[in-house]
Amino acid sequence: MKSVQLSKKLQDLVEDDYILAHALFFLGIKFYKYKTTTLQDVLAETGISVYQLNRKLKELHAEKFPGPDFFKFFEVDAIIEYLKHAHYLYIKEKMPYISRLIEDLDDRDKLTHDLKLIFPYVTEDFIKHIYHEEDSLFYYIQKLHAASSGTFSESVMLEVMSKYSIKAMAAHHEDDDDEMKGIRDLTNNYNIEGIDDIHLKVIFCEMQALEKDLFLHARIENEVLFPKALDLEARVAHYVASSIKSY
């Protein structure tokens, strides 16, 4: 990755690489407040070094999420830890960044007005979905994993397994996978053609990148975690039944 050009204006640099806007934001600089200012002048005014900026930019560019195949030989507890970490990044970093970009966007037409109105609800629903998933699906799978790895209480597992079903959760999960549909429809699939405002372009690019991350995240759950959990549930059910029969 090339170092950023200090003599260029921020709007031109961000036009070439929208991720630069995120790196600047992380360092406390809202690029849309300095659109026509050169990067050199912005860094001098804010006291941020070129090294700090390049380091953060390199870090953001290197942030790639592995696909489902990477996790095929992982135990379910390791997969869940990875998914929880991804949840943390969504809730604490990615969604707040996009939310702030949208909050600071001028409410000048129907598109920007609707975006400012709808995205907070999308964020709220998404966070609720994540917490529900961790409190039910992840909780249940971790119970199954613990039971398959050591001693367990038959009564406790019978109670837990009567309350949850991996098959039912998988079906429900398929229905809930498309959190970004409303935003995608509103933005015409994040189409930036005809949009001159670099601020809005960055928002569209970040939302599209988020959707790609969420799609990959859902594939890991649907293609790897759920099949492993179904097999685990069947094995634990057999263990519990065999244990009860032995009394």
Protein backbone atom coordinates (compact mmCIF):
# COMPACT_ATOMS: atom_id res chain seq x y z
CA MET A 1 0.00 0.00 0.00
CA LYS A 2 1.36 3.41 -1.00
CA SER A 3 1.78 6.18 1.54
CA VAL A 4 -0.77 8.96 1.28
CA GLN A 5 0.20 12.09 -0.66
CA LEU A 6 0.49 15.02 1.70
CA SER A 7 0.02 17.70 -0.96
CA LYS A 8 -3.41 16.48 -2.10
CA LYS A 9 -6.74 17.70 -0.77
CA LEU A 10 -8.63 15.37 1.54
CA GLN A 11 -11.63 15.06 -0.76
CA ASP A 12 -9.34 13.87 -3.59
CA LEU A 13 -7.52 11.40 -1.35
CA VAL A 14 -10.77 9.98 0.01
CA GLU A 15 -12.17 9.78 -3.53
CA ASP A 16 -9.23 7.48 -4.37
CA ASP A 17 -9.47 5.44 -1.15
CA TYR A 18 -12.59 5.71 1.02
CA ILE A 19 -10.92 3.74 3.82
CA LEU A 20 -8.68 6.75 4.41
CA ALA A 21 -11.78 8.49 5.80
CA HIS A 22 -12.07 5.77 8.45
CA ALA A 23 -8.39 6.02 9.37
CA LEU A 24 -8.73 9.78 9.77
CA PHE A 25 -11.91 9.38 11.81
CA PHE A 26 -10.15 6.93 14.16
CA LEU A 27 -7.49 9.59 14.73
CA GLY A 28 -10.12 12.22 15.51
CA ILE A 29 -10.32 13.89 12.10
CA LYS A 30 -13.64 14.21 10.27
CA PHE A 31 -12.52 14.44 6.67
CA TYR A 32 -15.72 16.21 5.60
CA LYS A 33 -14.75 19.17 7.77
CA TYR A 34 -11.52 19.56 5.77
CA LYS A 35 -12.55 18.57 2.23
CA THR A 36 -10.57 21.25 0.41
CA THR A 37 -7.61 21.28 2.81
CA THR A 38 -4.41 19.40 1.99
CA LEU A 39 -3.53 16.41 4.12
CA GLN A 40 -0.29 18.08 5.15
CA ASP A 41 -2.14 21.08 6.55
CA VAL A 42 -4.72 18.91 8.32
CA LEU A 43 -2.03 16.83 10.03
CA ALA A 44 -0.14 19.95 11.05
CA GLU A 45 -3.31 21.48 12.52
CA THR A 46 -4.35 18.36 14.42
CA GLY A 47 -0.91 17.17 15.53
CA ILE A 48 -1.30 13.75 13.93
CA SER A 49 1.84 12.25 12.40
CA VAL A 50 2.09 10.70 8.95
CA TYR A 51 3.32 7.53 10.65
CA GLN A 52 0.18 7.28 12.79
CA LEU A 53 -2.06 7.75 9.77
CA ASN A 54 -0.22 5.26 7.57
CA ARG A 55 -0.17 2.69 10.37
CA LYS A 56 -3.94 2.92 10.91
CA LEU A 57 -4.64 2.94 7.18
CA LYS A 58 -2.51 -0.18 6.70
CA GLU A 59 -4.30 -1.86 9.60
CA LEU A 60 -7.74 -1.14 8.13
CA HIS A 61 -6.73 -2.35 4.67
CA ALA A 62 -5.41 -5.59 6.18
CA GLU A 63 -8.69 -6.25 8.03
CA LYS A 64 -10.08 -9.23 6.12
CA PHE A 65 -12.60 -11.72 7.44
CA PRO A 66 -11.99 -15.39 6.54
CA GLY A 67 -14.68 -17.37 4.75
CA PRO A 68 -16.53 -20.53 5.84
CA ASP A 69 -13.86 -22.94 4.57
CA PHE A 70 -11.36 -21.55 7.07
CA PHE A 71 -13.51 -22.76 9.99
CA LYS A 72 -14.42 -26.26 8.80
CA PHE A 73 -11.94 -27.98 11.11
CA PHE A 74 -12.49 -25.71 14.12
CA GLU A 75 -14.43 -26.76 17.20
CA VAL A 76 -17.71 -24.92 17.77
CA ASP A 77 -16.38 -23.05 20.80
CA ALA A 78 -13.56 -21.54 18.73
CA ILE A 79 -15.99 -20.56 15.96
CA ILE A 80 -18.27 -18.89 18.49
CA GLU A 81 -15.37 -16.92 19.97
CA TYR A 82 -14.51 -15.63 16.51
CA LEU A 83 -18.16 -14.72 15.81
CA LYS A 84 -18.42 -12.93 19.16
CA HIS A 85 -15.33 -10.92 18.31
CA ALA A 86 -16.91 -9.98 14.97
CA HIS A 87 -20.07 -8.94 16.85
CA TYR A 88 -17.95 -6.71 19.06
CA LEU A 89 -16.39 -5.02 16.03
CA TYR A 90 -19.81 -4.43 14.47
CA ILE A 91 -21.32 -2.95 17.63
CA LYS A 92 -18.34 -0.96 18.91
CA GLU A 93 -16.60 0.15 15.72
CA LYS A 94 -18.28 -0.36 12.36
CA MET A 95 -21.87 0.62 13.16
CA PRO A 96 -20.92 3.64 15.33
CA TYR A 97 -18.61 4.93 12.58
CA ILE A 98 -21.32 4.73 9.91
CA SER A 99 -23.87 6.17 12.33
CA ARG A 100 -21.67 9.20 13.00
CA LEU A 101 -21.10 9.73 9.27
CA ILE A 102 -24.86 9.72 8.73
CA GLU A 103 -25.56 11.97 11.73
CA ASP A 104 -23.16 14.59 10.35
CA LEU A 105 -24.61 14.39 6.83
CA ASP A 106 -26.59 17.45 5.70
CA ASP A 107 -30.33 16.74 5.59
CA ARG A 108 -30.79 18.27 2.15
CA ASP A 109 -33.02 15.89 0.15
CA LYS A 110 -35.31 12.87 0.46
CA LEU A 111 -32.46 10.34 0.23
CA THR A 112 -30.38 11.88 3.01
CA HIS A 113 -33.49 12.52 5.11
CA ASP A 114 -34.65 8.89 4.80
CA LEU A 115 -31.14 7.59 5.46
CA LYS A 116 -30.87 9.63 8.67
CA LEU A 117 -34.31 8.38 9.68
CA ILE A 118 -33.93 4.68 8.86
CA PHE A 119 -30.34 3.78 9.76
CA PRO A 120 -30.78 4.21 13.55
CA TYR A 121 -33.60 1.64 13.42
CA VAL A 122 -31.45 -0.72 11.36
CA THR A 123 -28.69 -0.37 13.95
CA GLU A 124 -31.05 -0.96 16.86
CA ASP A 125 -32.59 -4.07 15.27
CA PHE A 126 -29.16 -5.41 14.36
CA ILE A 127 -27.83 -5.02 17.90
CA LYS A 128 -30.92 -6.74 19.32
CA HIS A 129 -30.38 -9.58 16.84
CA ILE A 130 -26.77 -9.98 17.95
CA TYR A 131 -27.57 -10.07 21.67
CA HIS A 132 -30.42 -12.52 21.12
CA GLU A 133 -28.14 -14.76 19.07
CA GLU A 134 -25.46 -14.77 21.76
CA ASP A 135 -27.96 -15.36 24.58
CA SER A 136 -29.77 -18.23 22.87
CA LEU A 137 -27.92 -19.88 19.96
CA PHE A 138 -24.38 -19.42 21.24
CA TYR A 139 -25.43 -20.24 24.81
CA TYR A 140 -27.07 -23.49 23.71
CA ILE A 141 -24.20 -24.59 21.48
CA GLN A 142 -21.70 -23.94 24.26
CA LYS A 143 -23.84 -26.05 26.62
CA LEU A 144 -23.83 -28.85 24.05
CA HIS A 145 -20.08 -28.54 23.56
CA ALA A 146 -19.44 -28.69 27.31
CA ALA A 147 -21.69 -31.74 27.66
CA SER A 148 -19.90 -33.53 24.82
CA SER A 149 -16.50 -32.79 26.33
CA GLY A 150 -17.02 -34.01 29.88
CA THR A 151 -19.48 -34.92 32.57
CA PHE A 152 -22.94 -33.42 32.53
CA SER A 153 -26.20 -33.40 34.46
CA GLU A 154 -28.90 -35.35 32.63
CA SER A 155 -31.66 -33.24 34.17
CA VAL A 156 -29.97 -29.97 33.20
CA MET A 157 -29.34 -31.09 29.63
CA LEU A 158 -32.87 -32.43 29.25
CA GLU A 159 -34.21 -29.06 30.38
CA VAL A 160 -31.92 -27.11 28.04
CA MET A 161 -32.59 -29.39 25.07
CA SER A 162 -36.33 -29.17 25.59
CA LYS A 163 -36.09 -25.38 25.37
CA TYR A 164 -33.85 -25.04 22.32
CA SER A 165 -33.62 -26.67 18.90
CA ILE A 166 -30.77 -26.15 16.45
CA LYS A 167 -33.04 -26.98 13.50
CA ALA A 168 -35.60 -24.37 14.56
CA MET A 169 -32.88 -21.80 15.22
CA ALA A 170 -31.34 -22.44 11.79
CA ALA A 171 -34.69 -21.90 10.07
CA HIS A 172 -35.27 -18.68 12.00
CA HIS A 173 -31.73 -17.53 11.27
CA GLU A 174 -32.24 -17.94 7.51
CA ASP A 175 -35.28 -15.65 7.72
CA ASP A 176 -33.37 -12.96 9.65
CA ASP A 177 -30.14 -12.94 7.64
CA ASP A 178 -30.77 -9.84 5.51
CA GLU A 179 -30.47 -6.98 8.00
CA MET A 180 -29.45 -4.47 5.33
CA LYS A 181 -32.29 -4.99 2.84
CA GLY A 182 -34.07 -1.73 3.67
CA ILE A 183 -30.87 0.29 3.33
CA ARG A 184 -29.92 -1.54 0.13
CA ASP A 185 -33.30 -0.72 -1.41
CA LEU A 186 -33.09 2.91 -0.27
CA THR A 187 -29.64 3.40 -1.80
CA ASN A 188 -30.33 1.43 -5.00
CA ASN A 189 -27.73 -1.17 -4.05
CA TYR A 190 -25.31 1.50 -2.80
CA ASN A 191 -25.08 2.99 -6.28
CA ILE A 192 -22.80 6.06 -6.19
CA GLU A 193 -23.29 6.94 -9.85
CA GLY A 194 -24.42 10.53 -10.11
CA ILE A 195 -23.49 11.32 -6.49
CA ASP A 196 -21.04 14.20 -6.21
CA ASP A 197 -20.88 14.54 -2.42
CA ILE A 198 -17.82 12.62 -1.20
CA HIS A 199 -19.34 12.42 2.29
CA LEU A 200 -22.35 10.49 0.96
CA LYS A 201 -20.11 8.34 -1.25
CA VAL A 202 -18.10 7.24 1.77
CA ILE A 203 -21.31 6.32 3.60
CA PHE A 204 -22.49 4.19 0.67
CA CYS A 205 -19.09 2.47 0.39
CA GLU A 206 -18.95 1.75 4.12
CA MET A 207 -22.50 0.36 4.17
CA GLN A 208 -21.75 -1.86 1.19
CA ALA A 209 -18.57 -3.13 2.88
CA LEU A 210 -20.55 -3.80 6.07
CA GLU A 211 -23.13 -5.79 4.12
CA LYS A 212 -20.38 -7.91 2.55
CA ASP A 213 -18.98 -8.59 6.03
CA LEU A 214 -22.42 -9.53 7.35
CA PHE A 215 -23.03 -11.84 4.39
CA LEU A 216 -19.74 -13.63 5.05
CA HIS A 217 -20.56 -13.76 8.76
CA ALA A 218 -23.93 -15.37 8.01
CA ARG A 219 -22.29 -17.92 5.70
CA ILE A 220 -19.94 -19.01 8.49
CA GLU A 221 -22.95 -19.56 10.74
CA ASN A 222 -25.14 -21.24 8.13
CA GLU A 223 -22.52 -23.37 6.38
CA VAL A 224 -20.28 -24.32 9.30
CA LEU A 225 -21.65 -23.53 12.75
CA PHE A 226 -25.19 -24.85 12.29
CA PRO A 227 -24.15 -28.18 10.66
CA LYS A 228 -21.60 -28.76 13.42
CA ALA A 229 -24.18 -27.81 16.06
CA LEU A 230 -26.78 -30.20 14.58
CA ASP A 231 -24.29 -33.05 14.77
CA LEU A 232 -23.30 -32.04 18.29
CA GLU A 233 -26.93 -31.88 19.40
CA ALA A 234 -27.58 -35.40 18.07
CA ARG A 235 -24.52 -36.79 19.84
CA VAL A 236 -25.41 -35.15 23.15
CA ALA A 237 -28.99 -36.40 22.87
CA HIS A 238 -27.58 -39.91 22.43
CA TYR A 239 -25.26 -39.46 25.44
CA VAL A 240 -28.13 -38.26 27.62
CA ALA A 241 -30.42 -41.10 26.53
CA SER A 242 -27.70 -43.70 27.12
CA SER A 243 -26.88 -42.22 30.53
CA ILE A 244 -30.52 -42.34 31.62
CA LYS A 245 -30.90 -45.95 30.44
CA SER A 246 -27.88 -47.00 32.49
CA TYR A 247 -29.61 -46.14 35.78
